[in-house]
PDB file of N, CA and C in Angstrom:
ATOM      1  N   UNK A   1       9.302 -65.562  -6.457  1.00  0.00           N
ATOM      2  CA  UNK A   1      10.108 -66.744  -6.184  1.00  0.00           C
ATOM      3  C   UNK A   1      11.452 -66.587  -6.879  1.00  0.00           C
ATOM      4  N   UNK A   2      12.521 -66.753  -6.174  1.00  0.00           N
ATOM      5  CA  UNK A   2      13.853 -66.688  -6.846  1.00  0.00           C
ATOM      6  C   UNK A   2      14.165 -68.039  -7.451  1.00  0.00           C
ATOM      7  N   UNK A   3      14.762 -67.973  -8.640  1.00  0.00           N
ATOM      8  CA  UNK A   3      15.242 -69.158  -9.298  1.00  0.00           C
ATOM      9  C   UNK A   3      16.718 -69.031  -9.529  1.00  0.00           C
ATOM     10  N   UNK A   4      17.434 -70.073  -9.321  1.00  0.00           N
ATOM     11  CA  UNK A   4      18.852 -70.188  -9.493  1.00  0.00           C
ATOM     12  C   UNK A   4      19.159 -71.234 -10.596  1.00  0.00           C
ATOM     13  N   UNK A   5      19.855 -70.884 -11.646  1.00  0.00           N
ATOM     14  CA  UNK A   5      20.139 -71.753 -12.764  1.00  0.00           C
ATOM     15  C   UNK A   5      21.652 -71.907 -12.932  1.00  0.00           C
ATOM     16  N   UNK A   6      22.122 -73.063 -12.583  1.00  0.00           N
ATOM     17  CA  UNK A   6      23.551 -73.358 -12.818  1.00  0.00           C
ATOM     18  C   UNK A   6      23.859 -73.892 -14.188  1.00  0.00           C
ATOM     19  N   UNK A   7      25.063 -73.585 -14.638  1.00  0.00           N
ATOM     20  CA  UNK A   7      25.579 -74.094 -15.875  1.00  0.00           C
ATOM     21  C   UNK A   7      27.016 -74.201 -15.854  1.00  0.00           C
ATOM     22  N   UNK A   8      27.632 -74.889 -16.826  1.00  0.00           N
ATOM     23  CA  UNK A   8      29.055 -74.990 -16.927  1.00  0.00           C
ATOM     24  C   UNK A   8      29.686 -76.272 -16.445  1.00  0.00           C
ATOM     25  N   UNK A   9      28.863 -77.190 -15.958  1.00  0.00           N
ATOM     26  CA  UNK A   9      29.413 -78.473 -15.498  1.00  0.00           C
ATOM     27  C   UNK A   9      29.757 -79.294 -16.761  1.00  0.00           C
ATOM     28  N   UNK A  10      30.404 -80.462 -16.416  1.00  0.00           N
ATOM     29  CA  UNK A  10      30.746 -81.359 -17.550  1.00  0.00           C
ATOM     30  C   UNK A  10      31.856 -82.324 -17.072  1.00  0.00           C
ATOM     31  N   UNK A  11      32.428 -82.965 -18.100  1.00  0.00           N
ATOM     32  CA  UNK A  11      33.434 -83.986 -17.885  1.00  0.00           C
ATOM     33  C   UNK A  11      34.801 -83.334 -18.274  1.00  0.00           C
ATOM     34  N   UNK A  12      35.760 -83.470 -17.387  1.00  0.00           N
ATOM     35  CA  UNK A  12      37.096 -82.924 -17.607  1.00  0.00           C
ATOM     36  C   UNK A  12      38.180 -83.832 -17.031  1.00  0.00           C
ATOM     37  N   UNK A  13      39.339 -83.844 -17.609  1.00  0.00           N
ATOM     38  CA  UNK A  13      40.422 -84.655 -17.163  1.00  0.00           C
ATOM     39  C   UNK A  13      41.054 -84.019 -15.963  1.00  0.00           C
ATOM     40  N   UNK A  14      41.707 -84.826 -15.102  1.00  0.00           N
ATOM     41  CA  UNK A  14      42.382 -84.317 -13.930  1.00  0.00           C
ATOM     42  C   UNK A  14      43.390 -83.255 -14.375  1.00  0.00           C
ATOM     43  N   UNK A  15      43.488 -82.206 -13.623  1.00  0.00           N
ATOM     44  CA  UNK A  15      44.409 -81.097 -13.967  1.00  0.00           C
ATOM     45  C   UNK A  15      43.727 -79.981 -14.815  1.00  0.00           C
ATOM     46  N   UNK A  16      42.498 -80.286 -15.324  1.00  0.00           N
ATOM     47  CA  UNK A  16      41.805 -79.359 -16.128  1.00  0.00           C
ATOM     48  C   UNK A  16      41.070 -78.330 -15.386  1.00  0.00           C
ATOM     49  N   UNK A  17      40.302 -77.567 -16.087  1.00  0.00           N
ATOM     50  CA  UNK A  17      39.568 -76.442 -15.517  1.00  0.00           C
ATOM     51  C   UNK A  17      38.110 -76.397 -15.997  1.00  0.00           C
ATOM     52  N   UNK A  18      37.237 -75.898 -15.132  1.00  0.00           N
ATOM     53  CA  UNK A  18      35.884 -75.601 -15.476  1.00  0.00           C
ATOM     54  C   UNK A  18      35.472 -74.301 -14.772  1.00  0.00           C
ATOM     55  N   UNK A  19      34.517 -73.597 -15.428  1.00  0.00           N
ATOM     56  CA  UNK A  19      33.933 -72.432 -14.841  1.00  0.00           C
ATOM     57  C   UNK A  19      32.386 -72.626 -14.667  1.00  0.00           C
ATOM     58  N   UNK A  20      31.947 -72.668 -13.485  1.00  0.00           N
ATOM     59  CA  UNK A  20      30.462 -72.797 -13.248  1.00  0.00           C
ATOM     60  C   UNK A  20      29.881 -71.409 -13.075  1.00  0.00           C
ATOM     61  N   UNK A  21      28.669 -71.297 -13.605  1.00  0.00           N
ATOM     62  CA  UNK A  21      27.900 -69.973 -13.462  1.00  0.00           C
ATOM     63  C   UNK A  21      26.578 -70.331 -12.806  1.00  0.00           C
ATOM     64  N   UNK A  22      26.072 -69.372 -12.112  1.00  0.00           N
ATOM     65  CA  UNK A  22      24.748 -69.447 -11.517  1.00  0.00           C
ATOM     66  C   UNK A  22      24.030 -68.115 -11.652  1.00  0.00           C
ATOM     67  N   UNK A  23      22.990 -68.127 -12.499  1.00  0.00           N
ATOM     68  CA  UNK A  23      22.243 -66.964 -12.692  1.00  0.00           C
ATOM     69  C   UNK A  23      20.974 -66.921 -11.854  1.00  0.00           C
ATOM     70  N   UNK A  24      20.784 -65.804 -11.128  1.00  0.00           N
ATOM     71  CA  UNK A  24      19.734 -65.703 -10.162  1.00  0.00           C
ATOM     72  C   UNK A  24      18.634 -64.727 -10.716  1.00  0.00           C
ATOM     73  N   UNK A  25      17.411 -65.125 -10.494  1.00  0.00           N
ATOM     74  CA  UNK A  25      16.256 -64.178 -10.806  1.00  0.00           C
ATOM     75  C   UNK A  25      15.947 -63.369  -9.552  1.00  0.00           C
ATOM     76  N   UNK A  26      15.017 -62.509  -9.622  1.00  0.00           N
ATOM     77  CA  UNK A  26      14.633 -61.711  -8.446  1.00  0.00           C
ATOM     78  C   UNK A  26      15.502 -60.498  -8.295  1.00  0.00           C
ATOM     79  N   UNK A  27      15.220 -59.745  -7.228  1.00  0.00           N
ATOM     80  CA  UNK A  27      15.925 -58.445  -7.040  1.00  0.00           C
ATOM     81  C   UNK A  27      16.670 -58.376  -5.789  1.00  0.00           C
ATOM     82  N   UNK A  28      17.006 -59.579  -5.200  1.00  0.00           N
ATOM     83  CA  UNK A  28      17.735 -59.562  -3.949  1.00  0.00           C
ATOM     84  C   UNK A  28      19.185 -60.002  -4.070  1.00  0.00           C
ATOM     85  N   UNK A  29      19.591 -60.269  -5.239  1.00  0.00           N
ATOM     86  CA  UNK A  29      20.943 -60.795  -5.483  1.00  0.00           C
ATOM     87  C   UNK A  29      22.038 -59.979  -4.761  1.00  0.00           C
ATOM     88  N   UNK A  30      21.963 -58.662  -4.954  1.00  0.00           N
ATOM     89  CA  UNK A  30      23.016 -57.814  -4.523  1.00  0.00           C
ATOM     90  C   UNK A  30      23.188 -57.822  -2.959  1.00  0.00           C
ATOM     91  N   UNK A  31      22.143 -58.184  -2.257  1.00  0.00           N
ATOM     92  CA  UNK A  31      22.212 -58.195  -0.784  1.00  0.00           C
ATOM     93  C   UNK A  31      22.334 -59.585  -0.241  1.00  0.00           C
ATOM     94  N   UNK A  32      22.512 -60.548  -1.102  1.00  0.00           N
ATOM     95  CA  UNK A  32      22.559 -61.949  -0.717  1.00  0.00           C
ATOM     96  C   UNK A  32      23.972 -62.474  -0.639  1.00  0.00           C
ATOM     97  N   UNK A  33      24.181 -63.401   0.288  1.00  0.00           N
ATOM     98  CA  UNK A  33      25.404 -64.196   0.224  1.00  0.00           C
ATOM     99  C   UNK A  33      25.191 -65.316  -0.779  1.00  0.00           C
ATOM    100  N   UNK A  34      26.163 -65.544  -1.543  1.00  0.00           N
ATOM    101  CA  UNK A  34      26.070 -66.654  -2.573  1.00  0.00           C
ATOM    102  C   UNK A  34      27.124 -67.713  -2.327  1.00  0.00           C
ATOM    103  N   UNK A  35      26.694 -68.938  -2.465  1.00  0.00           N
ATOM    104  CA  UNK A  35      27.587 -70.026  -2.140  1.00  0.00           C
ATOM    105  C   UNK A  35      27.483 -71.135  -3.183  1.00  0.00           C
ATOM    106  N   UNK A  36      28.604 -71.900  -3.262  1.00  0.00           N
ATOM    107  CA  UNK A  36      28.623 -73.145  -3.986  1.00  0.00           C
ATOM    108  C   UNK A  36      28.806 -74.274  -3.046  1.00  0.00           C
ATOM    109  N   UNK A  37      28.016 -75.294  -3.236  1.00  0.00           N
ATOM    110  CA  UNK A  37      28.145 -76.499  -2.445  1.00  0.00           C
ATOM    111  C   UNK A  37      28.247 -77.651  -3.397  1.00  0.00           C
ATOM    112  N   UNK A  38      28.627 -78.776  -2.892  1.00  0.00           N
ATOM    113  CA  UNK A  38      28.753 -79.935  -3.714  1.00  0.00           C
ATOM    114  C   UNK A  38      28.383 -81.223  -2.944  1.00  0.00           C
ATOM    115  N   UNK A  39      27.888 -82.227  -3.627  1.00  0.00           N
ATOM    116  CA  UNK A  39      27.507 -83.449  -3.069  1.00  0.00           C
ATOM    117  C   UNK A  39      27.976 -84.582  -3.919  1.00  0.00           C
ATOM    118  N   UNK A  40      28.837 -85.356  -3.398  1.00  0.00           N
ATOM    119  CA  UNK A  40      29.352 -86.561  -4.095  1.00  0.00           C
ATOM    120  C   UNK A  40      28.448 -87.786  -3.726  1.00  0.00           C
ATOM    121  N   UNK A  41      28.451 -88.760  -4.543  1.00  0.00           N
ATOM    122  CA  UNK A  41      27.604 -89.971  -4.231  1.00  0.00           C
ATOM    123  C   UNK A  41      27.965 -90.543  -2.896  1.00  0.00           C
ATOM    124  N   UNK A  42      26.967 -90.781  -2.080  1.00  0.00           N
ATOM    125  CA  UNK A  42      27.148 -91.394  -0.777  1.00  0.00           C
ATOM    126  C   UNK A  42      27.671 -90.442   0.265  1.00  0.00           C
ATOM    127  N   UNK A  43      27.808 -89.157  -0.061  1.00  0.00           N
ATOM    128  CA  UNK A  43      28.353 -88.208   0.919  1.00  0.00           C
ATOM    129  C   UNK A  43      27.338 -87.065   1.146  1.00  0.00           C
ATOM    130  N   UNK A  44      27.585 -86.333   2.259  1.00  0.00           N
ATOM    131  CA  UNK A  44      26.746 -85.199   2.552  1.00  0.00           C
ATOM    132  C   UNK A  44      27.145 -84.056   1.743  1.00  0.00           C
ATOM    133  N   UNK A  45      26.178 -83.132   1.580  1.00  0.00           N
ATOM    134  CA  UNK A  45      26.475 -81.908   0.860  1.00  0.00           C
ATOM    135  C   UNK A  45      27.456 -81.088   1.654  1.00  0.00           C
ATOM    136  N   UNK A  46      28.433 -80.474   0.992  1.00  0.00           N
ATOM    137  CA  UNK A  46      29.427 -79.731   1.711  1.00  0.00           C
ATOM    138  C   UNK A  46      29.641 -78.340   1.066  1.00  0.00           C
ATOM    139  N   UNK A  47      30.034 -77.402   1.856  1.00  0.00           N
ATOM    140  CA  UNK A  47      30.343 -76.043   1.362  1.00  0.00           C
ATOM    141  C   UNK A  47      31.634 -76.063   0.574  1.00  0.00           C
ATOM    142  N   UNK A  48      31.595 -75.494  -0.611  1.00  0.00           N
ATOM    143  CA  UNK A  48      32.850 -75.345  -1.392  1.00  0.00           C
ATOM    144  C   UNK A  48      33.404 -73.873  -1.252  1.00  0.00           C
ATOM    145  N   UNK A  49      32.560 -72.913  -1.488  1.00  0.00           N
ATOM    146  CA  UNK A  49      32.985 -71.518  -1.379  1.00  0.00           C
ATOM    147  C   UNK A  49      31.757 -70.655  -1.187  1.00  0.00           C
ATOM    148  N   UNK A  50      32.015 -69.496  -0.559  1.00  0.00           N
ATOM    149  CA  UNK A  50      30.947 -68.552  -0.346  1.00  0.00           C
ATOM    150  C   UNK A  50      31.478 -67.183  -0.500  1.00  0.00           C
ATOM    151  N   UNK A  51      30.618 -66.275  -1.019  1.00  0.00           N
ATOM    152  CA  UNK A  51      30.954 -64.870  -1.230  1.00  0.00           C
ATOM    153  C   UNK A  51      29.823 -64.021  -0.646  1.00  0.00           C
ATOM    154  N   UNK A  52      30.161 -63.098   0.246  1.00  0.00           N
ATOM    155  CA  UNK A  52      29.134 -62.286   0.853  1.00  0.00           C
ATOM    156  C   UNK A  52      28.718 -61.185  -0.074  1.00  0.00           C
ATOM    157  N   UNK A  53      27.703 -60.417   0.384  1.00  0.00           N
ATOM    158  CA  UNK A  53      27.249 -59.286  -0.432  1.00  0.00           C
ATOM    159  C   UNK A  53      28.358 -58.197  -0.527  1.00  0.00           C
ATOM    160  N   UNK A  54      29.218 -58.181   0.473  1.00  0.00           N
ATOM    161  CA  UNK A  54      30.376 -57.226   0.504  1.00  0.00           C
ATOM    162  C   UNK A  54      31.567 -57.717  -0.216  1.00  0.00           C
ATOM    163  N   UNK A  55      31.527 -58.964  -0.702  1.00  0.00           N
ATOM    164  CA  UNK A  55      32.605 -59.484  -1.534  1.00  0.00           C
ATOM    165  C   UNK A  55      33.636 -60.336  -0.721  1.00  0.00           C
ATOM    166  N   UNK A  56      33.410 -60.495   0.540  1.00  0.00           N
ATOM    167  CA  UNK A  56      34.314 -61.363   1.328  1.00  0.00           C
ATOM    168  C   UNK A  56      34.068 -62.852   0.896  1.00  0.00           C
ATOM    169  N   UNK A  57      35.159 -63.580   0.861  1.00  0.00           N
ATOM    170  CA  UNK A  57      35.041 -64.995   0.449  1.00  0.00           C
ATOM    171  C   UNK A  57      35.564 -65.965   1.487  1.00  0.00           C
ATOM    172  N   UNK A  58      35.146 -67.176   1.366  1.00  0.00           N
ATOM    173  CA  UNK A  58      35.602 -68.244   2.231  1.00  0.00           C
ATOM    174  C   UNK A  58      35.569 -69.521   1.436  1.00  0.00           C
ATOM    175  N   UNK A  59      36.568 -70.401   1.668  1.00  0.00           N
ATOM    176  CA  UNK A  59      36.699 -71.622   0.892  1.00  0.00           C
ATOM    177  C   UNK A  59      36.887 -72.750   1.786  1.00  0.00           C
ATOM    178  N   UNK A  60      36.416 -73.958   1.303  1.00  0.00           N
ATOM    179  CA  UNK A  60      36.756 -75.155   1.967  1.00  0.00           C
ATOM    180  C   UNK A  60      38.281 -75.425   1.798  1.00  0.00           C
ATOM    181  N   UNK A  61      38.894 -76.020   2.820  1.00  0.00           N
ATOM    182  CA  UNK A  61      40.333 -76.271   2.763  1.00  0.00           C
ATOM    183  C   UNK A  61      40.695 -77.071   1.545  1.00  0.00           C
ATOM    184  N   UNK A  62      39.868 -77.989   1.152  1.00  0.00           N
ATOM    185  CA  UNK A  62      40.151 -78.866  -0.016  1.00  0.00           C
ATOM    186  C   UNK A  62      40.272 -78.194  -1.321  1.00  0.00           C
ATOM    187  N   UNK A  63      39.740 -76.962  -1.398  1.00  0.00           N
ATOM    188  CA  UNK A  63      39.743 -76.285  -2.731  1.00  0.00           C
ATOM    189  C   UNK A  63      40.536 -74.989  -2.679  1.00  0.00           C
ATOM    190  N   UNK A  64      41.045 -74.628  -1.545  1.00  0.00           N
ATOM    191  CA  UNK A  64      41.817 -73.352  -1.437  1.00  0.00           C
ATOM    192  C   UNK A  64      43.054 -73.355  -2.362  1.00  0.00           C
ATOM    193  N   UNK A  65      43.166 -72.249  -3.107  1.00  0.00           N
ATOM    194  CA  UNK A  65      44.319 -72.133  -3.996  1.00  0.00           C
ATOM    195  C   UNK A  65      43.954 -72.695  -5.412  1.00  0.00           C
ATOM    196  N   UNK A  66      42.840 -73.425  -5.547  1.00  0.00           N
ATOM    197  CA  UNK A  66      42.446 -73.996  -6.824  1.00  0.00           C
ATOM    198  C   UNK A  66      41.160 -73.365  -7.328  1.00  0.00           C
ATOM    199  N   UNK A  67      40.230 -73.064  -6.472  1.00  0.00           N
ATOM    200  CA  UNK A  67      38.947 -72.540  -6.852  1.00  0.00           C
ATOM    201  C   UNK A  67      38.840 -71.074  -6.497  1.00  0.00           C
ATOM    202  N   UNK A  68      38.083 -70.321  -7.308  1.00  0.00           N
ATOM    203  CA  UNK A  68      37.853 -68.944  -7.035  1.00  0.00           C
ATOM    204  C   UNK A  68      36.432 -68.636  -7.267  1.00  0.00           C
ATOM    205  N   UNK A  69      35.754 -68.043  -6.280  1.00  0.00           N
ATOM    206  CA  UNK A  69      34.377 -67.637  -6.372  1.00  0.00           C
ATOM    207  C   UNK A  69      34.320 -66.130  -6.623  1.00  0.00           C
ATOM    208  N   UNK A  70      33.414 -65.745  -7.516  1.00  0.00           N
ATOM    209  CA  UNK A  70      33.247 -64.305  -7.800  1.00  0.00           C
ATOM    210  C   UNK A  70      31.768 -64.053  -8.120  1.00  0.00           C
ATOM    211  N   UNK A  71      31.461 -62.757  -8.120  1.00  0.00           N
ATOM    212  CA  UNK A  71      30.082 -62.375  -8.405  1.00  0.00           C
ATOM    213  C   UNK A  71      30.053 -61.136  -9.291  1.00  0.00           C
ATOM    214  N   UNK A  72      28.976 -61.078 -10.081  1.00  0.00           N
ATOM    215  CA  UNK A  72      28.670 -59.874 -10.877  1.00  0.00           C
ATOM    216  C   UNK A  72      27.289 -59.462 -10.513  1.00  0.00           C
ATOM    217  N   UNK A  73      27.167 -58.437  -9.736  1.00  0.00           N
ATOM    218  CA  UNK A  73      25.827 -57.988  -9.279  1.00  0.00           C
ATOM    219  C   UNK A  73      24.995 -57.466 -10.419  1.00  0.00           C
ATOM    220  N   UNK A  74      25.672 -56.815 -11.384  1.00  0.00           N
ATOM    221  CA  UNK A  74      24.886 -56.324 -12.538  1.00  0.00           C
ATOM    222  C   UNK A  74      24.222 -57.415 -13.352  1.00  0.00           C
ATOM    223  N   UNK A  75      24.786 -58.548 -13.323  1.00  0.00           N
ATOM    224  CA  UNK A  75      24.240 -59.709 -14.087  1.00  0.00           C
ATOM    225  C   UNK A  75      23.532 -60.692 -13.131  1.00  0.00           C
ATOM    226  N   UNK A  76      23.544 -60.473 -11.871  1.00  0.00           N
ATOM    227  CA  UNK A  76      22.916 -61.363 -10.885  1.00  0.00           C
ATOM    228  C   UNK A  76      23.472 -62.761 -11.058  1.00  0.00           C
ATOM    229  N   UNK A  77      24.767 -62.866 -11.217  1.00  0.00           N
ATOM    230  CA  UNK A  77      25.468 -64.109 -11.473  1.00  0.00           C
ATOM    231  C   UNK A  77      26.621 -64.338 -10.538  1.00  0.00           C
ATOM    232  N   UNK A  78      26.728 -65.544 -10.090  1.00  0.00           N
ATOM    233  CA  UNK A  78      27.921 -65.916  -9.290  1.00  0.00           C
ATOM    234  C   UNK A  78      28.647 -66.988 -10.072  1.00  0.00           C
ATOM    235  N   UNK A  79      30.005 -66.995  -9.998  1.00  0.00           N
ATOM    236  CA  UNK A  79      30.847 -67.885 -10.698  1.00  0.00           C
ATOM    237  C   UNK A  79      31.679 -68.685  -9.764  1.00  0.00           C
ATOM    238  N   UNK A  80      32.107 -69.838 -10.276  1.00  0.00           N
ATOM    239  CA  UNK A  80      33.106 -70.663  -9.580  1.00  0.00           C
ATOM    240  C   UNK A  80      34.105 -71.143 -10.590  1.00  0.00           C
ATOM    241  N   UNK A  81      35.286 -70.549 -10.556  1.00  0.00           N
ATOM    242  CA  UNK A  81      36.406 -70.976 -11.441  1.00  0.00           C
ATOM    243  C   UNK A  81      37.121 -72.095 -10.739  1.00  0.00           C
ATOM    244  N   UNK A  82      37.158 -73.238 -11.402  1.00  0.00           N
ATOM    245  CA  UNK A  82      37.802 -74.402 -10.818  1.00  0.00           C
ATOM    246  C   UNK A  82      38.992 -74.773 -11.617  1.00  0.00           C
ATOM    247  N   UNK A  83      40.169 -74.754 -11.041  1.00  0.00           N
ATOM    248  CA  UNK A  83      41.415 -75.099 -11.705  1.00  0.00           C
ATOM    249  C   UNK A  83      42.051 -76.276 -11.038  1.00  0.00           C
ATOM    250  N   UNK A  84      43.017 -76.902 -11.765  1.00  0.00           N
ATOM    251  CA  UNK A  84      43.687 -78.068 -11.187  1.00  0.00           C
ATOM    252  C   UNK A  84      42.725 -79.039 -10.602  1.00  0.00           C
ATOM    253  N   UNK A  85      41.731 -79.408 -11.361  1.00  0.00           N
ATOM    254  CA  UNK A  85      40.703 -80.291 -10.818  1.00  0.00           C
ATOM    255  C   UNK A  85      41.209 -81.718 -10.578  1.00  0.00           C
ATOM    256  N   UNK A  86      40.662 -82.300  -9.559  1.00  0.00           N
ATOM    257  CA  UNK A  86      41.109 -83.663  -9.108  1.00  0.00           C
ATOM    258  C   UNK A  86      39.843 -84.597  -9.228  1.00  0.00           C
ATOM    259  N   UNK A  87      40.079 -85.874  -9.326  1.00  0.00           N
ATOM    260  CA  UNK A  87      38.916 -86.807  -9.342  1.00  0.00           C
ATOM    261  C   UNK A  87      38.003 -86.660  -8.124  1.00  0.00           C
ATOM    262  N   UNK A  88      38.599 -86.289  -6.989  1.00  0.00           N
ATOM    263  CA  UNK A  88      37.795 -86.159  -5.773  1.00  0.00           C
ATOM    264  C   UNK A  88      36.894 -84.924  -5.803  1.00  0.00           C
ATOM    265  N   UNK A  89      37.068 -84.057  -6.809  1.00  0.00           N
ATOM    266  CA  UNK A  89      36.183 -82.955  -6.983  1.00  0.00           C
ATOM    267  C   UNK A  89      34.845 -83.342  -7.694  1.00  0.00           C
ATOM    268  N   UNK A  90      34.799 -84.586  -8.141  1.00  0.00           N
ATOM    269  CA  UNK A  90      33.601 -85.054  -8.823  1.00  0.00           C
ATOM    270  C   UNK A  90      32.379 -85.018  -7.905  1.00  0.00           C
ATOM    271  N   UNK A  91      31.330 -84.326  -8.310  1.00  0.00           N
ATOM    272  CA  UNK A  91      30.152 -84.187  -7.508  1.00  0.00           C
ATOM    273  C   UNK A  91      29.123 -83.366  -8.329  1.00  0.00           C
ATOM    274  N   UNK A  92      27.924 -83.338  -7.743  1.00  0.00           N
ATOM    275  CA  UNK A  92      26.948 -82.385  -8.258  1.00  0.00           C
ATOM    276  C   UNK A  92      27.159 -81.062  -7.467  1.00  0.00           C
ATOM    277  N   UNK A  93      27.274 -79.959  -8.198  1.00  0.00           N
ATOM    278  CA  UNK A  93      27.571 -78.659  -7.530  1.00  0.00           C
ATOM    279  C   UNK A  93      26.292 -77.901  -7.585  1.00  0.00           C
ATOM    280  N   UNK A  94      25.961 -77.365  -6.391  1.00  0.00           N
ATOM    281  CA  UNK A  94      24.733 -76.548  -6.203  1.00  0.00           C
ATOM    282  C   UNK A  94      25.027 -75.098  -5.846  1.00  0.00           C
ATOM    283  N   UNK A  95      24.260 -74.220  -6.386  1.00  0.00           N
ATOM    284  CA  UNK A  95      24.346 -72.762  -6.132  1.00  0.00           C
ATOM    285  C   UNK A  95      23.373 -72.458  -5.001  1.00  0.00           C
ATOM    286  N   UNK A  96      23.709 -71.616  -4.085  1.00  0.00           N
ATOM    287  CA  UNK A  96      22.821 -71.263  -2.988  1.00  0.00           C
ATOM    288  C   UNK A  96      22.809 -69.728  -2.863  1.00  0.00           C
ATOM    289  N   UNK A  97      21.649 -69.180  -2.624  1.00  0.00           N
ATOM    290  CA  UNK A  97      21.456 -67.763  -2.361  1.00  0.00           C
ATOM    291  C   UNK A  97      20.856 -67.650  -0.939  1.00  0.00           C
ATOM    292  N   UNK A  98      21.517 -66.925  -0.100  1.00  0.00           N
ATOM    293  CA  UNK A  98      21.104 -66.930   1.325  1.00  0.00           C
ATOM    294  C   UNK A  98      21.018 -65.489   1.887  1.00  0.00           C
ATOM    295  N   UNK A  99      19.951 -65.277   2.618  1.00  0.00           N
ATOM    296  CA  UNK A  99      19.772 -64.034   3.337  1.00  0.00           C
ATOM    297  C   UNK A  99      19.166 -64.307   4.710  1.00  0.00           C
ATOM    298  N   UNK A 100      18.931 -63.255   5.372  1.00  0.00           N
ATOM    299  CA  UNK A 100      18.439 -63.456   6.758  1.00  0.00           C
ATOM    300  C   UNK A 100      17.066 -64.161   6.802  1.00  0.00           C
ATOM    301  N   UNK A 101      16.277 -63.971   5.800  1.00  0.00           N
ATOM    302  CA  UNK A 101      14.942 -64.552   5.837  1.00  0.00           C
ATOM    303  C   UNK A 101      14.695 -65.519   4.733  1.00  0.00           C
ATOM    304  N   UNK A 102      15.715 -65.907   3.979  1.00  0.00           N
ATOM    305  CA  UNK A 102      15.466 -66.820   2.838  1.00  0.00           C
ATOM    306  C   UNK A 102      16.732 -67.654   2.553  1.00  0.00           C
ATOM    307  N   UNK A 103      16.491 -68.716   1.814  1.00  0.00           N
ATOM    308  CA  UNK A 103      17.536 -69.624   1.444  1.00  0.00           C
ATOM    309  C   UNK A 103      17.063 -70.407   0.212  1.00  0.00           C
ATOM    310  N   UNK A 104      17.750 -70.163  -0.906  1.00  0.00           N
ATOM    311  CA  UNK A 104      17.349 -70.749  -2.166  1.00  0.00           C
ATOM    312  C   UNK A 104      18.430 -71.624  -2.787  1.00  0.00           C
ATOM    313  N   UNK A 105      17.984 -72.655  -3.491  1.00  0.00           N
ATOM    314  CA  UNK A 105      18.978 -73.589  -4.074  1.00  0.00           C
ATOM    315  C   UNK A 105      18.635 -73.801  -5.543  1.00  0.00           C
ATOM    316  N   UNK A 106      19.732 -73.986  -6.346  1.00  0.00           N
ATOM    317  CA  UNK A 106      19.567 -74.384  -7.673  1.00  0.00           C
ATOM    318  C   UNK A 106      19.418 -75.873  -7.860  1.00  0.00           C
ATOM    319  N   UNK A 107      19.262 -76.329  -9.076  1.00  0.00           N
ATOM    320  CA  UNK A 107      18.995 -77.699  -9.344  1.00  0.00           C
ATOM    321  C   UNK A 107      20.264 -78.556  -9.376  1.00  0.00           C
ATOM    322  N   UNK A 108      21.401 -77.895  -9.494  1.00  0.00           N
ATOM    323  CA  UNK A 108      22.662 -78.633  -9.485  1.00  0.00           C
ATOM    324  C   UNK A 108      23.202 -78.849 -10.918  1.00  0.00           C
ATOM    325  N   UNK A 109      24.501 -78.919 -10.967  1.00  0.00           N
ATOM    326  CA  UNK A 109      25.172 -79.255 -12.256  1.00  0.00           C
ATOM    327  C   UNK A 109      26.267 -80.305 -11.949  1.00  0.00           C
ATOM    328  N   UNK A 110      26.379 -81.295 -12.778  1.00  0.00           N
ATOM    329  CA  UNK A 110      27.297 -82.372 -12.536  1.00  0.00           C
ATOM    330  C   UNK A 110      28.743 -81.938 -13.020  1.00  0.00           C
ATOM    331  N   UNK A 111      29.651 -82.235 -12.174  1.00  0.00           N
ATOM    332  CA  UNK A 111      31.096 -82.107 -12.593  1.00  0.00           C
ATOM    333  C   UNK A 111      31.754 -83.463 -12.381  1.00  0.00           C
ATOM    334  N   UNK A 112      32.356 -83.936 -13.394  1.00  0.00           N
ATOM    335  CA  UNK A 112      33.019 -85.244 -13.389  1.00  0.00           C
ATOM    336  C   UNK A 112      34.492 -85.023 -13.750  1.00  0.00           C
ATOM    337  N   UNK A 113      35.397 -85.418 -12.898  1.00  0.00           N
ATOM    338  CA  UNK A 113      36.845 -85.338 -13.241  1.00  0.00           C
ATOM    339  C   UNK A 113      37.393 -86.745 -13.362  1.00  0.00           C
ATOM    340  N   UNK A 114      37.907 -87.034 -14.549  1.00  0.00           N
ATOM    341  CA  UNK A 114      38.435 -88.334 -14.813  1.00  0.00           C
ATOM    342  C   UNK A 114      39.955 -88.343 -14.505  1.00  0.00           C
ATOM    343  N   UNK A 115      40.431 -89.455 -14.064  1.00  0.00           N
ATOM    344  CA  UNK A 115      41.884 -89.585 -13.750  1.00  0.00           C
ATOM    345  C   UNK A 115      42.684 -90.047 -14.933  1.00  0.00           C
TER     346      UNK A 115
END
């Protein structure tokens, strides 16, 4: 069973930065697409960024130019560097590991951006 453990969330002022990490167990990390999703109170979960096993990335329009997703296959870890944070970025951020036959989620980490 794969486990995903997120870390790096917290409280930050608008304009600040945070770096989220997601460490994956198991031996499928290098062939998985890894994504970051977020869910704000009263809203549906939405895709923030995704990185494929080949390193291709895709971002939600709302975070383009501010967030960067990256991965370290040797450490089975995916990162989300978040810069120029806005209050509307406040949400629980979830890590996702996805393959053709599987889909795993982390427990989430809270990010709160104060104005």
